Amino acid sequence: MTDRDPVIVLFKGGRLPAWHQLSDQERSEFEQTHVDLMLSVAREHAMARLEGFRLIGPQGDWQRFWLIEFPTMEGAEAWIRAEMTPPYGLYGDYEYHLSRPLEHEPYSAWVTQPAPPVVPLPADPHTIPELRTDPNSIVVLMFARYRPFAEALTPEQRGDAQHVDLMRGIAKEHGLMRLEGFQLVSPQTDWHRAWVIELPTLEAAEAWIEGEEALPHGMHAQRTIHLARKWAPEYFASWSELDGTP
């Protein structure tokens, strides 16, 4: 990672119960105000990516996970401030983490069935369409780190090579569509890296998770794993500056 790497905001978010007590008109007005504000931030700071995932099993108020990419820290900070701006911001559940992308090349060769490119909606993103999950794949969201003292072990003691061989075999057998990792700027107690692993079926996702937990490597890492679907990918692809946000 270098200072030239983009900044990725990892956002675990959802809506508080009070949101559902508002009238339909209030929710619609607040949503539109919010979208207009966030699009202005995206334009001003050249946002390169906005990608959402909806958890299959919500965790309390946490319902969606987002990747938001900016070329500078300034853009990431502006996005976070705007997202929490009232009135919409009063009804959100927010957990933000700043990260940098892990080097992609070592993992790109693992992909055996690349996900088709997302074609952004041609409509003005200020107009909010009906939002749906994409049923054509399943996404494993993994938040992980080595357990204390595991990094002091040799790769042979941890079983690193064995683990890589196992996971590459699973990727080939089950048609891995995507593998992307992020390193936190400020490591957390229970996770230092986040992973987005896209697979074609639930069976494939289960096989991947079993592989992550396989011994001996599995005993040296701690991880939290959630299953998700991509959230309205064509709409949110239209937000990024590279896709011609108006």
Protein backbone atom coordinates (compact mmCIF):
# COMPACT_ATOMS: atom_id res chain seq x y z
CA MET A 1 0.00 0.00 0.00
CA THR A 2 1.20 3.52 -0.80
CA ASP A 3 -0.07 7.06 -0.38
CA ARG A 4 -1.12 6.88 -4.02
CA ASP A 5 -3.53 4.00 -3.37
CA PRO A 6 -7.21 4.93 -3.36
CA VAL A 7 -9.08 5.18 -0.08
CA ILE A 8 -11.90 2.67 0.36
CA VAL A 9 -14.62 3.44 2.88
CA LEU A 10 -15.95 0.18 4.32
CA PHE A 11 -19.41 0.99 5.61
CA LYS A 12 -21.60 -1.31 7.69
CA GLY A 13 -24.95 0.44 7.71
CA GLY A 14 -28.68 0.18 8.07
CA ARG A 15 -31.77 2.07 9.12
CA LEU A 16 -32.97 2.52 12.66
CA PRO A 17 -36.50 1.42 13.60
CA ALA A 18 -37.60 5.07 13.80
CA TRP A 19 -37.20 5.30 10.01
CA HIS A 20 -40.19 3.01 9.54
CA GLN A 21 -42.35 5.21 11.76
CA LEU A 22 -42.10 8.08 9.29
CA SER A 23 -44.81 8.63 6.71
CA ASP A 24 -44.26 7.49 3.12
CA GLN A 25 -44.01 11.13 2.06
CA GLU A 26 -41.38 11.92 4.70
CA ARG A 27 -39.28 8.92 3.75
CA SER A 28 -39.50 9.81 0.07
CA GLU A 29 -38.50 13.44 0.68
CA PHE A 30 -35.62 12.51 2.99
CA GLU A 31 -34.33 9.88 0.55
CA GLN A 32 -34.35 12.31 -2.37
CA THR A 33 -32.57 15.01 -0.37
CA HIS A 34 -29.99 12.43 0.69
CA VAL A 35 -29.39 11.12 -2.82
CA ASP A 36 -28.98 14.64 -4.22
CA LEU A 37 -26.45 15.48 -1.49
CA MET A 38 -24.44 12.29 -1.90
CA LEU A 39 -24.30 12.66 -5.68
CA SER A 40 -22.90 16.17 -5.23
CA VAL A 41 -20.15 14.77 -3.00
CA ALA A 42 -19.47 12.02 -5.53
CA ARG A 43 -19.03 14.59 -8.30
CA GLU A 44 -16.94 17.03 -6.27
CA HIS A 45 -14.50 14.39 -5.04
CA ALA A 46 -14.39 12.12 -8.13
CA MET A 47 -15.82 9.05 -6.45
CA ALA A 48 -14.62 6.03 -8.40
CA ARG A 49 -16.91 3.34 -7.00
CA LEU A 50 -20.06 2.83 -4.97
CA GLU A 51 -20.94 -0.80 -4.45
CA GLY A 52 -23.50 -2.22 -2.04
CA PHE A 53 -24.29 -5.66 -0.63
CA ARG A 54 -27.41 -6.64 1.25
CA LEU A 55 -26.91 -9.15 4.05
CA ILE A 56 -28.99 -12.30 3.70
CA GLY A 57 -29.27 -12.35 7.49
CA PRO A 58 -29.33 -8.79 8.92
CA GLN A 59 -27.31 -8.29 12.10
CA GLY A 60 -29.53 -6.10 14.27
CA ASP A 61 -29.70 -2.71 12.59
CA TRP A 62 -26.83 -3.60 10.24
CA GLN A 63 -28.40 -4.54 6.91
CA ARG A 64 -25.96 -3.54 4.14
CA PHE A 65 -22.24 -3.39 3.48
CA TRP A 66 -20.75 -0.78 1.15
CA LEU A 67 -17.49 -0.18 -0.69
CA ILE A 68 -17.02 3.52 -1.47
CA GLU A 69 -13.81 4.46 -3.30
CA PHE A 70 -12.19 7.88 -3.53
CA PRO A 71 -8.79 8.95 -4.85
CA THR A 72 -8.11 10.96 -1.67
CA MET A 73 -8.79 10.88 2.05
CA GLU A 74 -10.56 14.21 1.69
CA GLY A 75 -13.24 12.61 -0.45
CA ALA A 76 -13.78 9.78 2.03
CA GLU A 77 -14.15 12.25 4.92
CA ALA A 78 -16.60 14.40 2.95
CA TRP A 79 -18.71 11.35 2.12
CA ILE A 80 -18.95 10.24 5.74
CA ARG A 81 -19.92 13.73 6.94
CA ALA A 82 -22.59 14.05 4.25
CA GLU A 83 -24.03 10.60 4.87
CA MET A 84 -24.79 11.47 8.48
CA THR A 85 -26.36 14.85 7.65
CA PRO A 86 -29.99 15.32 8.87
CA PRO A 87 -32.74 14.69 8.22
CA TYR A 88 -31.89 11.36 6.55
CA GLY A 89 -28.78 10.92 8.67
CA LEU A 90 -30.80 10.90 11.89
CA TYR A 91 -32.28 7.51 11.00
CA GLY A 92 -29.15 5.58 10.07
CA ASP A 93 -26.93 3.04 11.79
CA TYR A 94 -23.31 3.85 10.92
CA GLU A 95 -20.02 2.00 11.26
CA TYR A 96 -17.22 3.30 9.04
CA HIS A 97 -13.71 1.98 8.49
CA LEU A 98 -11.08 3.46 6.19
CA SER A 99 -9.01 1.01 4.19
CA ARG A 100 -6.63 0.57 1.30
CA PRO A 101 -6.96 -2.12 -1.36
CA LEU A 102 -4.73 -5.16 -1.12
CA GLU A 103 -2.61 -5.91 -4.16
CA HIS A 104 -4.97 -7.47 -6.68
CA GLU A 105 -2.62 -9.47 -8.87
CA PRO A 106 -1.93 -12.37 -6.47
CA TYR A 107 -5.65 -13.13 -6.26
CA SER A 108 -6.86 -12.35 -9.79
CA ALA A 109 -5.43 -15.66 -11.02
CA TRP A 110 -7.70 -17.48 -8.58
CA VAL A 111 -10.82 -16.29 -10.43
CA THR A 112 -12.08 -19.00 -12.78
CA GLN A 113 -15.53 -17.68 -13.68
CA PRO A 114 -15.27 -13.85 -13.73
CA ALA A 115 -18.43 -11.95 -12.86
CA PRO A 116 -19.82 -10.17 -15.93
CA PRO A 117 -19.16 -6.42 -15.96
CA VAL A 118 -21.88 -4.28 -14.42
CA VAL A 119 -23.54 -2.01 -16.98
CA PRO A 120 -24.59 1.25 -15.27
CA LEU A 121 -28.19 2.34 -15.71
CA PRO A 122 -28.40 5.03 -18.39
CA ALA A 123 -30.96 7.06 -16.43
CA ASP A 124 -30.15 10.08 -14.26
CA PRO A 125 -29.10 8.64 -10.86
CA HIS A 126 -30.98 11.46 -9.12
CA THR A 127 -34.11 9.49 -10.05
CA ILE A 128 -34.30 6.57 -7.63
CA PRO A 129 -35.54 3.34 -9.24
CA GLU A 130 -36.95 0.34 -7.43
CA LEU A 131 -33.94 -1.27 -5.77
CA ARG A 132 -33.43 -5.04 -5.72
CA THR A 133 -30.75 -7.57 -4.91
CA ASP A 134 -28.97 -9.38 -7.74
CA PRO A 135 -29.91 -13.09 -7.49
CA ASN A 136 -27.22 -14.24 -9.95
CA SER A 137 -24.46 -14.73 -7.39
CA ILE A 138 -23.79 -14.94 -3.69
CA VAL A 139 -21.16 -12.92 -1.85
CA VAL A 140 -19.12 -14.02 1.14
CA LEU A 141 -18.12 -11.04 3.29
CA MET A 142 -15.24 -12.01 5.57
CA PHE A 143 -13.63 -9.87 8.28
CA ALA A 144 -10.45 -11.53 9.49
CA ARG A 145 -7.06 -11.36 11.16
CA TYR A 146 -4.43 -13.76 12.45
CA ARG A 147 -4.83 -14.75 16.07
CA PRO A 148 -2.32 -13.31 18.53
CA PHE A 149 1.15 -14.83 18.04
CA ALA A 150 0.16 -16.57 14.77
CA GLU A 151 2.17 -14.05 12.77
CA ALA A 152 5.25 -15.12 14.77
CA LEU A 153 4.92 -18.63 13.35
CA THR A 154 6.59 -19.63 10.13
CA PRO A 155 4.44 -20.09 7.00
CA GLU A 156 5.10 -23.81 7.29
CA GLN A 157 3.83 -23.92 10.87
CA ARG A 158 0.67 -22.06 9.89
CA GLY A 159 0.10 -24.22 6.85
CA ASP A 160 0.01 -21.23 4.48
CA ALA A 161 0.95 -23.11 1.30
CA GLN A 162 -1.50 -25.91 2.09
CA HIS A 163 -4.24 -23.32 2.63
CA VAL A 164 -3.52 -21.55 -0.65
CA ASP A 165 -3.60 -24.84 -2.55
CA LEU A 166 -6.91 -25.78 -0.92
CA MET A 167 -8.57 -22.43 -1.65
CA ARG A 168 -7.36 -22.35 -5.24
CA GLY A 169 -8.81 -25.83 -5.69
CA ILE A 170 -12.16 -24.67 -4.31
CA ALA A 171 -12.03 -21.62 -6.57
CA LYS A 172 -11.51 -23.82 -9.62
CA GLU A 173 -14.10 -26.42 -8.68
CA HIS A 174 -16.85 -23.95 -7.76
CA GLY A 175 -16.22 -21.14 -10.25
CA LEU A 176 -14.86 -18.26 -8.16
CA MET A 177 -16.18 -15.03 -9.67
CA ARG A 178 -14.29 -12.44 -7.63
CA LEU A 179 -11.80 -12.15 -4.77
CA GLU A 180 -10.95 -8.71 -3.41
CA GLY A 181 -9.27 -7.71 -0.15
CA PHE A 182 -8.90 -4.51 1.88
CA GLN A 183 -6.43 -3.60 4.65
CA LEU A 184 -7.75 -1.36 7.41
CA VAL A 185 -5.93 1.92 8.00
CA SER A 186 -6.72 1.46 11.71
CA PRO A 187 -6.77 -2.27 12.58
CA GLN A 188 -9.58 -3.46 14.84
CA THR A 189 -9.30 -5.88 17.73
CA ASP A 190 -11.01 -8.71 15.87
CA TRP A 191 -10.27 -7.91 12.21
CA HIS A 192 -7.56 -6.25 10.16
CA ARG A 193 -8.73 -7.16 6.67
CA ALA A 194 -12.04 -7.39 4.84
CA TRP A 195 -12.63 -9.74 1.93
CA VAL A 196 -15.32 -9.79 -0.75
CA ILE A 197 -15.63 -13.23 -2.33
CA GLU A 198 -18.24 -13.69 -5.06
CA LEU A 199 -19.41 -17.16 -6.03
CA PRO A 200 -22.18 -18.50 -8.24
CA THR A 201 -24.12 -20.63 -5.72
CA LEU A 202 -24.79 -21.17 -2.04
CA GLU A 203 -23.08 -24.56 -2.33
CA ALA A 204 -19.94 -22.80 -3.56
CA ALA A 205 -20.09 -20.27 -0.72
CA GLU A 206 -20.40 -23.08 1.84
CA ALA A 207 -17.40 -24.85 0.31
CA TRP A 208 -15.37 -21.64 0.49
CA ILE A 209 -16.23 -21.09 4.15
CA GLU A 210 -15.35 -24.69 5.01
CA GLY A 211 -12.02 -24.22 3.27
CA GLU A 212 -11.27 -21.07 5.25
CA GLU A 213 -11.82 -22.98 8.48
CA ALA A 214 -9.85 -26.09 7.47
CA LEU A 215 -6.90 -27.06 9.65
CA PRO A 216 -4.11 -26.33 10.26
CA HIS A 217 -4.38 -22.79 8.84
CA GLY A 218 -7.92 -22.26 10.09
CA MET A 219 -6.90 -22.50 13.72
CA HIS A 220 -4.51 -19.55 13.35
CA ALA A 221 -7.05 -17.03 12.04
CA GLN A 222 -10.17 -15.49 13.53
CA ARG A 223 -12.91 -14.45 11.20
CA THR A 224 -16.50 -13.23 11.02
CA ILE A 225 -18.37 -14.28 7.90
CA HIS A 226 -21.68 -13.09 6.44
CA LEU A 227 -23.52 -14.05 3.27
CA ALA A 228 -24.92 -11.30 1.07
CA ARG A 229 -26.25 -10.43 -2.38
CA LYS A 230 -25.14 -7.52 -4.52
CA TRP A 231 -27.50 -4.57 -3.97
CA ALA A 232 -28.89 -2.82 -7.09
CA PRO A 233 -25.46 -2.96 -8.80
CA GLU A 234 -26.52 -1.27 -12.07
CA TYR A 235 -27.98 1.72 -10.26
CA PHE A 236 -25.07 2.34 -7.92
CA ALA A 237 -22.56 1.86 -10.73
CA SER A 238 -24.15 4.92 -12.35
CA TRP A 239 -23.07 7.05 -9.38
CA SER A 240 -19.34 6.89 -9.93
CA GLU A 241 -17.56 9.74 -11.65
CA LEU A 242 -15.96 7.30 -14.08
CA ASP A 243 -19.42 6.25 -15.26
CA GLY A 244 -20.42 9.78 -16.16
CA THR A 245 -22.32 11.03 -13.14
CA PRO A 246 -24.07 14.22 -14.35
